[in-house]
Amino acid sequence: MSWDVKHLPRADGKTFLVTGGNAGIGYFVAEQLAGTGATVILGSRDPVKAEAAQASIRARVPGARVGHVRLDLSSPRTEPLDIERLDAVVYNAGVLLDRPPRRLTEEGTELMFATNHLGHFALTWWLAPLLAAAPAGRVVTTGSFTAKSESLGLDDLQNERDYRPKRAYARSKLAQMLFGFELDRRLRAVGSTTMSVVTHPGGALDSLTPSRPPVRVRTTGERLRGLPAGLLLQSKEAAAWPAVRAVLDPAVRGGQLWGPRVFGIRGLPVLEPVRGQLADVELAARLWTASRELTGLDPSLAFSPA
């Protein structure tokens, strides 16, 4: 089927959760989903920023149904969701540190690995009953194209040796993507109606991104400086398209990877082949075991029939 990013299918009566939906790409995922008539919940640890994002969405989407749940993925503590079912969750929130030193969570886990991967791994356990209550729930995990060129060392998941922030970030995103594929395999194994899809946003810059006051305002100078980069990269509004399609398109299937059409960096959302480490079933299974040991949870068991 043809897919029009400017004319999305209606999703009235459905409920979606977007982690990190208060800023960046996550904000635009939330804004676009809100335009379909669905109820959109922003998962954010900062209530002030979440309120600003809700105000911006309501200003652009008349009658938008948008709410907030407090969520800190570095140490997963979420408020109860007062809903009967969850039709989809978009795992978008993430931390990217620019420089050393290596930072730890309160539990002593490396911050980027804990937030980007383990937090979403654990959150899946808590959301499982709500996703299972939907006729066809979806878990959409947002990875990164930088993960494709990285390798994952199971003996040093928390980057204790030779810590380099950008590499640690790419590895955490690779772990996220492997989790998304392994989750779908385990959902199929237990006969769940929920499916897991992996996406990545390509390359996105703030300077190419339209303003969304009070969330963020782009200056004229910033816009002009960003014009040359528009030949290769895209805005965060466009970078949201793969995740939005993964949530809404009835043709999407579990275990798929969606990203931008042009060299995987920019453009309309299309289906991509799953290759290299992303297709390593044994690596994904071993990562799952390690994540289960670190969190004390096994999300796939939460989907198993009673």
C-alpha atoms as a PDB file:
ATOM      1  CA  MET A   1       0.000   0.000   0.000  1.00  0.00           C
ATOM      2  CA  SER A   2       1.071   3.601  -0.529  1.00  0.00           C
ATOM      3  CA  TRP A   3       1.938   5.504   2.625  1.00  0.00           C
ATOM      4  CA  ASP A   4       1.417   9.258   2.927  1.00  0.00           C
ATOM      5  CA  VAL A   5       3.248  10.804   5.883  1.00  0.00           C
ATOM      6  CA  LYS A   6       1.032  13.873   5.590  1.00  0.00           C
ATOM      7  CA  HIS A   7      -2.260  11.944   5.599  1.00  0.00           C
ATOM      8  CA  LEU A   8      -2.101   9.302   8.301  1.00  0.00           C
ATOM      9  CA  PRO A   9      -4.887   6.780   8.925  1.00  0.00           C
ATOM     10  CA  ARG A  10      -7.278   7.516  11.759  1.00  0.00           C
ATOM     11  CA  ALA A  11      -6.671   5.811  15.104  1.00  0.00           C
ATOM     12  CA  ASP A  12      -9.656   7.023  17.119  1.00  0.00           C
ATOM     13  CA  GLY A  13     -10.143   5.058  20.325  1.00  0.00           C
ATOM     14  CA  LYS A  14      -6.556   3.815  20.442  1.00  0.00           C
ATOM     15  CA  THR A  15      -3.980   4.692  23.094  1.00  0.00           C
ATOM     16  CA  PHE A  16      -0.269   5.121  22.456  1.00  0.00           C
ATOM     17  CA  LEU A  17       2.647   5.747  24.843  1.00  0.00           C
ATOM     18  CA  VAL A  18       5.806   7.519  23.636  1.00  0.00           C
ATOM     19  CA  THR A  19       8.803   7.470  25.954  1.00  0.00           C
ATOM     20  CA  GLY A  20      10.759  10.701  25.714  1.00  0.00           C
ATOM     21  CA  GLY A  21       7.762  12.279  24.010  1.00  0.00           C
ATOM     22  CA  ASN A  22       8.407  15.721  25.476  1.00  0.00           C
ATOM     23  CA  ALA A  23      11.291  16.701  23.149  1.00  0.00           C
ATOM     24  CA  GLY A  24      13.245  15.900  20.003  1.00  0.00           C
ATOM     25  CA  ILE A  25      12.115  13.121  17.702  1.00  0.00           C
ATOM     26  CA  GLY A  26       9.810  11.729  20.394  1.00  0.00           C
ATOM     27  CA  TYR A  27       7.875  14.981  20.471  1.00  0.00           C
ATOM     28  CA  PHE A  28       7.173  14.773  16.735  1.00  0.00           C
ATOM     29  CA  VAL A  29       6.167  11.111  17.030  1.00  0.00           C
ATOM     30  CA  ALA A  30       3.663  12.162  19.680  1.00  0.00           C
ATOM     31  CA  GLU A  31       2.396  15.156  17.693  1.00  0.00           C
ATOM     32  CA  GLN A  32       1.848  13.097  14.541  1.00  0.00           C
ATOM     33  CA  LEU A  33       0.105  10.288  16.424  1.00  0.00           C
ATOM     34  CA  ALA A  34      -2.113  12.829  18.215  1.00  0.00           C
ATOM     35  CA  GLY A  35      -3.285  14.034  14.806  1.00  0.00           C
ATOM     36  CA  THR A  36      -4.867  10.625  14.156  1.00  0.00           C
ATOM     37  CA  GLY A  37      -7.426  11.026  16.940  1.00  0.00           C
ATOM     38  CA  ALA A  38      -5.654   8.597  19.284  1.00  0.00           C
ATOM     39  CA  THR A  39      -4.905   9.273  22.931  1.00  0.00           C
ATOM     40  CA  VAL A  40      -1.163   9.871  23.272  1.00  0.00           C
ATOM     41  CA  ILE A  41       0.664   9.586  26.601  1.00  0.00           C
ATOM     42  CA  LEU A  42       4.066  11.225  26.952  1.00  0.00           C
ATOM     43  CA  GLY A  43       6.486   9.262  29.121  1.00  0.00           C
ATOM     44  CA  SER A  44       8.846  11.807  30.680  1.00  0.00           C
ATOM     45  CA  ARG A  45      10.744  12.288  33.932  1.00  0.00           C
ATOM     46  CA  ASP A  46      10.234  16.087  33.784  1.00  0.00           C
ATOM     47  CA  PRO A  47       6.600  17.160  34.341  1.00  0.00           C
ATOM     48  CA  VAL A  48       7.355  20.771  33.338  1.00  0.00           C
ATOM     49  CA  LYS A  49       8.782  19.771  29.966  1.00  0.00           C
ATOM     50  CA  ALA A  50       5.938  17.312  29.468  1.00  0.00           C
ATOM     51  CA  GLU A  51       3.386  20.052  30.108  1.00  0.00           C
ATOM     52  CA  ALA A  52       5.112  22.302  27.569  1.00  0.00           C
ATOM     53  CA  ALA A  53       5.004  19.512  24.986  1.00  0.00           C
ATOM     54  CA  GLN A  54       1.313  18.907  25.654  1.00  0.00           C
ATOM     55  CA  ALA A  55       0.588  22.622  25.202  1.00  0.00           C
ATOM     56  CA  SER A  56       2.444  22.639  21.880  1.00  0.00           C
ATOM     57  CA  ILE A  57       0.608  19.560  20.599  1.00  0.00           C
ATOM     58  CA  ARG A  58      -2.773  20.972  21.599  1.00  0.00           C
ATOM     59  CA  ALA A  59      -1.950  24.243  19.822  1.00  0.00           C
ATOM     60  CA  ARG A  60      -1.254  22.374  16.568  1.00  0.00           C
ATOM     61  CA  VAL A  61      -3.802  19.561  16.873  1.00  0.00           C
ATOM     62  CA  PRO A  62      -7.233  20.893  17.864  1.00  0.00           C
ATOM     63  CA  GLY A  63      -8.949  18.521  20.258  1.00  0.00           C
ATOM     64  CA  ALA A  64      -5.771  16.502  20.813  1.00  0.00           C
ATOM     65  CA  ARG A  65      -6.027  13.842  23.506  1.00  0.00           C
ATOM     66  CA  VAL A  66      -2.642  13.977  25.163  1.00  0.00           C
ATOM     67  CA  GLY A  67      -1.460  13.181  28.691  1.00  0.00           C
ATOM     68  CA  HIS A  68       1.681  12.485  30.699  1.00  0.00           C
ATOM     69  CA  VAL A  69       3.079   9.749  32.892  1.00  0.00           C
ATOM     70  CA  ARG A  70       6.198  10.305  34.958  1.00  0.00           C
ATOM     71  CA  LEU A  71       8.912   7.889  33.856  1.00  0.00           C
ATOM     72  CA  ASP A  72      12.629   7.699  34.645  1.00  0.00           C
ATOM     73  CA  LEU A  73      14.166   4.918  32.563  1.00  0.00           C
ATOM     74  CA  SER A  74      17.541   5.142  34.301  1.00  0.00           C
ATOM     75  CA  SER A  75      15.826   3.672  37.348  1.00  0.00           C
ATOM     76  CA  PRO A  76      12.458   2.487  36.064  1.00  0.00           C
ATOM     77  CA  ARG A  77       9.770   3.877  38.296  1.00  0.00           C
ATOM     78  CA  THR A  78       6.540   4.641  36.526  1.00  0.00           C
ATOM     79  CA  GLU A  79       3.246   5.952  37.768  1.00  0.00           C
ATOM     80  CA  PRO A  80       0.307   3.589  37.203  1.00  0.00           C
ATOM     81  CA  LEU A  81      -1.339   4.036  33.813  1.00  0.00           C
ATOM     82  CA  ASP A  82      -5.063   4.519  34.335  1.00  0.00           C
ATOM     83  CA  ILE A  83      -6.030   2.823  31.078  1.00  0.00           C
ATOM     84  CA  GLU A  84      -7.564  -0.515  30.143  1.00  0.00           C
ATOM     85  CA  ARG A  85      -5.256  -1.270  27.245  1.00  0.00           C
ATOM     86  CA  LEU A  86      -2.268   0.073  25.330  1.00  0.00           C
ATOM     87  CA  ASP A  87      -2.348  -0.275  21.558  1.00  0.00           C
ATOM     88  CA  ALA A  88       1.295   0.652  21.046  1.00  0.00           C
ATOM     89  CA  VAL A  89       4.352   1.919  22.869  1.00  0.00           C
ATOM     90  CA  VAL A  90       7.204   3.735  21.142  1.00  0.00           C
ATOM     91  CA  TYR A  91      10.533   3.294  22.916  1.00  0.00           C
ATOM     92  CA  ASN A  92      12.099   6.573  21.881  1.00  0.00           C
ATOM     93  CA  ALA A  93      13.690   8.032  25.034  1.00  0.00           C
ATOM     94  CA  GLY A  94      17.456   7.951  25.180  1.00  0.00           C
ATOM     95  CA  VAL A  95      20.563   9.512  26.654  1.00  0.00           C
ATOM     96  CA  LEU A  96      23.608  10.554  24.606  1.00  0.00           C
ATOM     97  CA  LEU A  97      26.584  11.768  26.632  1.00  0.00           C
ATOM     98  CA  ASP A  98      29.208  13.824  24.799  1.00  0.00           C
ATOM     99  CA  ARG A  99      32.275  13.315  26.972  1.00  0.00           C
ATOM    100  CA  PRO A 100      33.716  11.314  29.856  1.00  0.00           C
ATOM    101  CA  PRO A 101      33.659  10.529  32.712  1.00  0.00           C
ATOM    102  CA  ARG A 102      31.585   7.376  32.659  1.00  0.00           C
ATOM    103  CA  ARG A 103      28.369   8.026  34.601  1.00  0.00           C
ATOM    104  CA  LEU A 104      26.363   5.556  36.658  1.00  0.00           C
ATOM    105  CA  THR A 105      22.745   5.294  37.780  1.00  0.00           C
ATOM    106  CA  GLU A 106      21.752   5.055  41.430  1.00  0.00           C
ATOM    107  CA  GLU A 107      21.932   1.285  41.039  1.00  0.00           C
ATOM    108  CA  GLY A 108      25.510   1.466  39.729  1.00  0.00           C
ATOM    109  CA  THR A 109      24.725   0.710  36.072  1.00  0.00           C
ATOM    110  CA  GLU A 110      26.350   2.657  33.222  1.00  0.00           C
ATOM    111  CA  LEU A 111      23.887   5.447  32.437  1.00  0.00           C
ATOM    112  CA  MET A 112      23.405   5.109  28.672  1.00  0.00           C
ATOM    113  CA  PHE A 113      23.081   1.326  28.711  1.00  0.00           C
ATOM    114  CA  ALA A 114      20.702   1.543  31.682  1.00  0.00           C
ATOM    115  CA  THR A 115      18.483   4.234  30.158  1.00  0.00           C
ATOM    116  CA  ASN A 116      18.470   3.318  26.504  1.00  0.00           C
ATOM    117  CA  HIS A 117      18.265  -0.453  26.822  1.00  0.00           C
ATOM    118  CA  LEU A 118      17.652  -1.836  30.318  1.00  0.00           C
ATOM    119  CA  GLY A 119      14.987   0.748  31.161  1.00  0.00           C
ATOM    120  CA  HIS A 120      12.914  -0.175  28.139  1.00  0.00           C
ATOM    121  CA  PHE A 121      13.570  -3.889  28.694  1.00  0.00           C
ATOM    122  CA  ALA A 122      12.138  -3.605  32.208  1.00  0.00           C
ATOM    123  CA  LEU A 123       9.297  -1.298  31.142  1.00  0.00           C
ATOM    124  CA  THR A 124       8.086  -3.989  28.739  1.00  0.00           C
ATOM    125  CA  TRP A 125       7.401  -6.236  31.734  1.00  0.00           C
ATOM    126  CA  TRP A 126       5.182  -3.609  33.354  1.00  0.00           C
ATOM    127  CA  LEU A 127       3.352  -2.744  30.126  1.00  0.00           C
ATOM    128  CA  ALA A 128       2.772  -6.357  29.027  1.00  0.00           C
ATOM    129  CA  PRO A 129      -0.750  -6.721  30.517  1.00  0.00           C
ATOM    130  CA  LEU A 130      -1.900  -3.483  28.853  1.00  0.00           C
ATOM    131  CA  LEU A 131      -0.376  -4.422  25.488  1.00  0.00           C
ATOM    132  CA  ALA A 132      -1.835  -7.929  25.698  1.00  0.00           C
ATOM    133  CA  ALA A 133      -5.276  -6.412  26.366  1.00  0.00           C
ATOM    134  CA  ALA A 134      -5.213  -4.685  22.962  1.00  0.00           C
ATOM    135  CA  PRO A 135      -6.374  -6.691  19.920  1.00  0.00           C
ATOM    136  CA  ALA A 136      -2.967  -6.262  18.276  1.00  0.00           C
ATOM    137  CA  GLY A 137      -0.530  -4.399  20.504  1.00  0.00           C
ATOM    138  CA  ARG A 138       2.756  -3.102  19.126  1.00  0.00           C
ATOM    139  CA  VAL A 139       6.137  -2.456  20.738  1.00  0.00           C
ATOM    140  CA  VAL A 140       8.129  -0.078  18.536  1.00  0.00           C
ATOM    141  CA  THR A 141      11.793   0.217  19.482  1.00  0.00           C
ATOM    142  CA  THR A 142      13.722   3.191  18.101  1.00  0.00           C
ATOM    143  CA  GLY A 143      17.331   2.329  17.428  1.00  0.00           C
ATOM    144  CA  SER A 144      20.011   4.260  15.537  1.00  0.00           C
ATOM    145  CA  PHE A 145      21.804   3.846  12.215  1.00  0.00           C
ATOM    146  CA  THR A 146      25.068   4.300  14.169  1.00  0.00           C
ATOM    147  CA  ALA A 147      24.377   0.933  15.804  1.00  0.00           C
ATOM    148  CA  LYS A 148      24.841  -0.873  12.482  1.00  0.00           C
ATOM    149  CA  SER A 149      28.582  -0.192  12.456  1.00  0.00           C
ATOM    150  CA  GLU A 150      29.139  -1.104  16.120  1.00  0.00           C
ATOM    151  CA  SER A 151      29.715  -4.438  17.825  1.00  0.00           C
ATOM    152  CA  LEU A 152      28.327  -5.623  21.135  1.00  0.00           C
ATOM    153  CA  GLY A 153      30.676  -7.254  23.628  1.00  0.00           C
ATOM    154  CA  LEU A 154      28.636  -9.299  26.061  1.00  0.00           C
ATOM    155  CA  ASP A 155      31.596  -9.381  28.438  1.00  0.00           C
ATOM    156  CA  ASP A 156      31.557  -5.574  28.751  1.00  0.00           C
ATOM    157  CA  LEU A 157      27.964  -4.437  28.271  1.00  0.00           C
ATOM    158  CA  GLN A 158      28.456  -1.531  30.672  1.00  0.00           C
ATOM    159  CA  ASN A 159      31.610  -0.214  29.010  1.00  0.00           C
ATOM    160  CA  GLU A 160      33.846  -0.556  32.033  1.00  0.00           C
ATOM    161  CA  ARG A 161      36.919  -0.934  29.820  1.00  0.00           C
ATOM    162  CA  ASP A 162      38.059   1.854  27.496  1.00  0.00           C
ATOM    163  CA  TYR A 163      34.940   4.003  27.943  1.00  0.00           C
ATOM    164  CA  ARG A 164      34.174   6.219  24.935  1.00  0.00           C
ATOM    165  CA  PRO A 165      30.799   8.018  25.089  1.00  0.00           C
ATOM    166  CA  LYS A 166      29.813   7.858  21.411  1.00  0.00           C
ATOM    167  CA  ARG A 167      30.744   4.202  21.156  1.00  0.00           C
ATOM    168  CA  ALA A 168      28.912   3.427  24.405  1.00  0.00           C
ATOM    169  CA  TYR A 169      25.825   5.170  22.984  1.00  0.00           C
ATOM    170  CA  ALA A 170      25.974   3.211  19.719  1.00  0.00           C
ATOM    171  CA  ARG A 171      26.321  -0.039  21.649  1.00  0.00           C
ATOM    172  CA  SER A 172      23.330   0.797  23.824  1.00  0.00           C
ATOM    173  CA  LYS A 173      21.257   1.427  20.699  1.00  0.00           C
ATOM    174  CA  LEU A 174      22.478  -1.838  19.171  1.00  0.00           C
ATOM    175  CA  ALA A 175      21.345  -3.578  22.352  1.00  0.00           C
ATOM    176  CA  GLN A 176      17.947  -1.891  22.009  1.00  0.00           C
ATOM    177  CA  MET A 177      17.532  -3.090  18.439  1.00  0.00           C
ATOM    178  CA  LEU A 178      18.612  -6.644  19.253  1.00  0.00           C
ATOM    179  CA  PHE A 179      16.081  -6.566  22.097  1.00  0.00           C
ATOM    180  CA  GLY A 180      13.317  -5.513  19.705  1.00  0.00           C
ATOM    181  CA  PHE A 181      13.992  -8.410  17.320  1.00  0.00           C
ATOM    182  CA  GLU A 182      14.388 -10.953  20.126  1.00  0.00           C
ATOM    183  CA  LEU A 183      11.198  -9.721  21.787  1.00  0.00           C
ATOM    184  CA  ASP A 184       9.243 -10.450  18.620  1.00  0.00           C
ATOM    185  CA  ARG A 185      10.669 -13.959  18.386  1.00  0.00           C
ATOM    186  CA  ARG A 186       9.646 -14.621  21.983  1.00  0.00           C
ATOM    187  CA  LEU A 187       6.197 -13.130  21.474  1.00  0.00           C
ATOM    188  CA  ARG A 188       5.651 -15.462  18.513  1.00  0.00           C
ATOM    189  CA  ALA A 189       6.864 -18.408  20.576  1.00  0.00           C
ATOM    190  CA  VAL A 190       4.166 -17.856  23.240  1.00  0.00           C
ATOM    191  CA  GLY A 191       1.420 -17.079  20.701  1.00  0.00           C
ATOM    192  CA  SER A 192       1.031 -13.444  21.753  1.00  0.00           C
ATOM    193  CA  THR A 193      -1.084 -11.051  19.702  1.00  0.00           C
ATOM    194  CA  THR A 194       1.470  -8.302  20.454  1.00  0.00           C
ATOM    195  CA  MET A 195       4.256  -7.751  17.953  1.00  0.00           C
ATOM    196  CA  SER A 196       7.623  -6.005  18.169  1.00  0.00           C
ATOM    197  CA  VAL A 197       8.985  -3.749  15.419  1.00  0.00           C
ATOM    198  CA  VAL A 198      12.343  -1.951  15.192  1.00  0.00           C
ATOM    199  CA  THR A 199      12.897   1.440  13.573  1.00  0.00           C
ATOM    200  CA  HIS A 200      15.654   4.005  13.279  1.00  0.00           C
ATOM    201  CA  PRO A 201      15.300   7.723  12.458  1.00  0.00           C
ATOM    202  CA  GLY A 202      18.300   8.243  10.178  1.00  0.00           C
ATOM    203  CA  GLY A 203      20.197  11.483  10.624  1.00  0.00           C
ATOM    204  CA  ALA A 204      18.347  14.421  12.155  1.00  0.00           C
ATOM    205  CA  LEU A 205      19.431  17.927  13.133  1.00  0.00           C
ATOM    206  CA  ASP A 206      17.823  20.611  15.276  1.00  0.00           C
ATOM    207  CA  SER A 207      18.801  23.237  12.696  1.00  0.00           C
ATOM    208  CA  LEU A 208      16.549  21.529  10.121  1.00  0.00           C
ATOM    209  CA  THR A 209      13.681  21.061  12.558  1.00  0.00           C
ATOM    210  CA  PRO A 210      10.678  23.437  12.585  1.00  0.00           C
ATOM    211  CA  SER A 211       9.945  25.396  15.741  1.00  0.00           C
ATOM    212  CA  ARG A 212       7.494  24.087  18.297  1.00  0.00           C
ATOM    213  CA  PRO A 213       7.121  26.742  20.993  1.00  0.00           C
ATOM    214  CA  PRO A 214       7.312  26.460  23.941  1.00  0.00           C
ATOM    215  CA  VAL A 215       9.217  23.184  23.434  1.00  0.00           C
ATOM    216  CA  ARG A 216      11.851  24.672  21.171  1.00  0.00           C
ATOM    217  CA  VAL A 217      12.260  27.727  18.915  1.00  0.00           C
ATOM    218  CA  ARG A 218      14.594  27.652  15.912  1.00  0.00           C
ATOM    219  CA  THR A 219      16.346  30.935  15.144  1.00  0.00           C
ATOM    220  CA  THR A 220      16.758  32.333  11.632  1.00  0.00           C
ATOM    221  CA  GLY A 221      20.530  32.022  11.883  1.00  0.00           C
ATOM    222  CA  GLU A 222      20.264  28.399  12.921  1.00  0.00           C
ATOM    223  CA  ARG A 223      17.924  27.638  10.031  1.00  0.00           C
ATOM    224  CA  LEU A 224      20.273  29.238   7.479  1.00  0.00           C
ATOM    225  CA  ARG A 225      23.326  27.459   8.858  1.00  0.00           C
ATOM    226  CA  GLY A 226      21.498  24.156   8.602  1.00  0.00           C
ATOM    227  CA  LEU A 227      20.455  24.482   4.944  1.00  0.00           C
ATOM    228  CA  PRO A 228      23.551  22.763   3.444  1.00  0.00           C
ATOM    229  CA  ALA A 229      23.083  19.796   5.790  1.00  0.00           C
ATOM    230  CA  GLY A 230      19.579  19.352   4.364  1.00  0.00           C
ATOM    231  CA  LEU A 231      21.131  17.706   1.312  1.00  0.00           C
ATOM    232  CA  LEU A 232      22.202  14.768   3.470  1.00  0.00           C
ATOM    233  CA  LEU A 233      20.212  14.876   6.690  1.00  0.00           C
ATOM    234  CA  GLN A 234      16.673  15.753   7.732  1.00  0.00           C
ATOM    235  CA  SER A 235      14.560  17.366  10.420  1.00  0.00           C
ATOM    236  CA  LYS A 236      13.442  15.618  13.578  1.00  0.00           C
ATOM    237  CA  GLU A 237       9.896  15.964  12.261  1.00  0.00           C
ATOM    238  CA  ALA A 238      10.819  13.730   9.303  1.00  0.00           C
ATOM    239  CA  ALA A 239      12.922  11.475  11.526  1.00  0.00           C
ATOM    240  CA  ALA A 240       9.720  10.565  13.390  1.00  0.00           C
ATOM    241  CA  TRP A 241       8.154   9.013  10.280  1.00  0.00           C
ATOM    242  CA  PRO A 242       9.528   5.441  10.616  1.00  0.00           C
ATOM    243  CA  ALA A 243       8.227   5.069  14.188  1.00  0.00           C
ATOM    244  CA  VAL A 244       4.859   6.563  13.277  1.00  0.00           C
ATOM    245  CA  ARG A 245       4.488   4.161  10.357  1.00  0.00           C
ATOM    246  CA  ALA A 246       5.479   1.230  12.578  1.00  0.00           C
ATOM    247  CA  VAL A 247       2.655   2.175  14.952  1.00  0.00           C
ATOM    248  CA  LEU A 248      -0.075   2.828  12.391  1.00  0.00           C
ATOM    249  CA  ASP A 249       0.489   0.913   9.152  1.00  0.00           C
ATOM    250  CA  PRO A 250      -1.606  -2.289   9.067  1.00  0.00           C
ATOM    251  CA  ALA A 251       0.934  -3.775   6.649  1.00  0.00           C
ATOM    252  CA  VAL A 252       3.755  -3.661   9.206  1.00  0.00           C
ATOM    253  CA  ARG A 253       4.741  -7.046  10.652  1.00  0.00           C
ATOM    254  CA  GLY A 254       6.617  -8.107  13.744  1.00  0.00           C
ATOM    255  CA  GLY A 255      10.377  -8.489  13.459  1.00  0.00           C
ATOM    256  CA  GLN A 256      10.680  -5.877  10.709  1.00  0.00           C
ATOM    257  CA  LEU A 257      13.097  -2.927  10.519  1.00  0.00           C
ATOM    258  CA  TRP A 258      11.915   0.447   9.199  1.00  0.00           C
ATOM    259  CA  GLY A 259      14.059   3.478   8.405  1.00  0.00           C
ATOM    260  CA  PRO A 260      14.465   6.405   5.980  1.00  0.00           C
ATOM    261  CA  ARG A 261      14.506   5.593   2.262  1.00  0.00           C
ATOM    262  CA  VAL A 262      17.631   7.502   1.120  1.00  0.00           C
ATOM    263  CA  PHE A 263      20.700   5.535   2.235  1.00  0.00           C
ATOM    264  CA  GLY A 264      18.982   4.926   5.570  1.00  0.00           C
ATOM    265  CA  ILE A 265      19.656   8.556   6.504  1.00  0.00           C
ATOM    266  CA  ARG A 266      16.780  10.669   5.192  1.00  0.00           C
ATOM    267  CA  GLY A 267      13.474  10.428   3.377  1.00  0.00           C
ATOM    268  CA  LEU A 268      10.216   8.515   3.540  1.00  0.00           C
ATOM    269  CA  PRO A 269       9.957   5.463   5.822  1.00  0.00           C
ATOM    270  CA  VAL A 270      10.618   2.136   4.130  1.00  0.00           C
ATOM    271  CA  LEU A 271      11.250  -1.473   5.065  1.00  0.00           C
ATOM    272  CA  GLU A 272      14.943  -2.333   5.464  1.00  0.00           C
ATOM    273  CA  PRO A 273      16.717  -5.701   5.441  1.00  0.00           C
ATOM    274  CA  VAL A 274      17.913  -7.037   8.795  1.00  0.00           C
ATOM    275  CA  ARG A 275      21.601  -7.844   8.406  1.00  0.00           C
ATOM    276  CA  GLY A 276      24.843  -8.340  10.282  1.00  0.00           C
ATOM    277  CA  GLN A 277      24.725  -8.312  14.054  1.00  0.00           C
ATOM    278  CA  LEU A 278      21.078  -7.275  13.953  1.00  0.00           C
ATOM    279  CA  ALA A 279      20.312 -10.692  12.471  1.00  0.00           C
ATOM    280  CA  ASP A 280      22.441 -12.594  15.016  1.00  0.00           C
ATOM    281  CA  VAL A 281      19.849 -14.682  16.839  1.00  0.00           C
ATOM    282  CA  GLU A 282      22.355 -16.215  19.259  1.00  0.00           C
ATOM    283  CA  LEU A 283      23.764 -12.809  20.236  1.00  0.00           C
ATOM    284  CA  ALA A 284      20.260 -11.447  20.833  1.00  0.00           C
ATOM    285  CA  ALA A 285      19.325 -14.423  23.000  1.00  0.00           C
ATOM    286  CA  ARG A 286      22.484 -14.058  25.100  1.00  0.00           C
ATOM    287  CA  LEU A 287      21.832 -10.323  25.491  1.00  0.00           C
ATOM    288  CA  TRP A 288      18.310 -11.158  26.653  1.00  0.00           C
ATOM    289  CA  THR A 289      19.706 -13.480  29.316  1.00  0.00           C
ATOM    290  CA  ALA A 290      22.173 -10.829  30.485  1.00  0.00           C
ATOM    291  CA  SER A 291      19.430  -8.177  30.601  1.00  0.00           C
ATOM    292  CA  ARG A 292      17.175 -10.501  32.570  1.00  0.00           C
ATOM    293  CA  GLU A 293      19.932 -11.063  35.107  1.00  0.00           C
ATOM    294  CA  LEU A 294      20.592  -7.322  35.452  1.00  0.00           C
ATOM    295  CA  THR A 295      16.926  -6.353  35.871  1.00  0.00           C
ATOM    296  CA  GLY A 296      15.525  -9.450  37.558  1.00  0.00           C
ATOM    297  CA  LEU A 297      12.704  -9.446  34.980  1.00  0.00           C
ATOM    298  CA  ASP A 298      11.834 -11.433  31.868  1.00  0.00           C
ATOM    299  CA  PRO A 299       9.352  -9.450  29.722  1.00  0.00           C
ATOM    300  CA  SER A 300       8.456 -12.427  27.531  1.00  0.00           C
ATOM    301  CA  LEU A 301       7.070 -14.289  30.554  1.00  0.00           C
ATOM    302  CA  ALA A 302       4.666 -11.421  31.177  1.00  0.00           C
ATOM    303  CA  PHE A 303       3.035 -12.110  27.796  1.00  0.00           C
ATOM    304  CA  SER A 304       2.726 -15.844  28.338  1.00  0.00           C
ATOM    305  CA  PRO A 305      -0.821 -17.202  28.726  1.00  0.00           C
ATOM    306  CA  ALA A 306      -1.789 -17.770  32.372  1.00  0.00           C
END
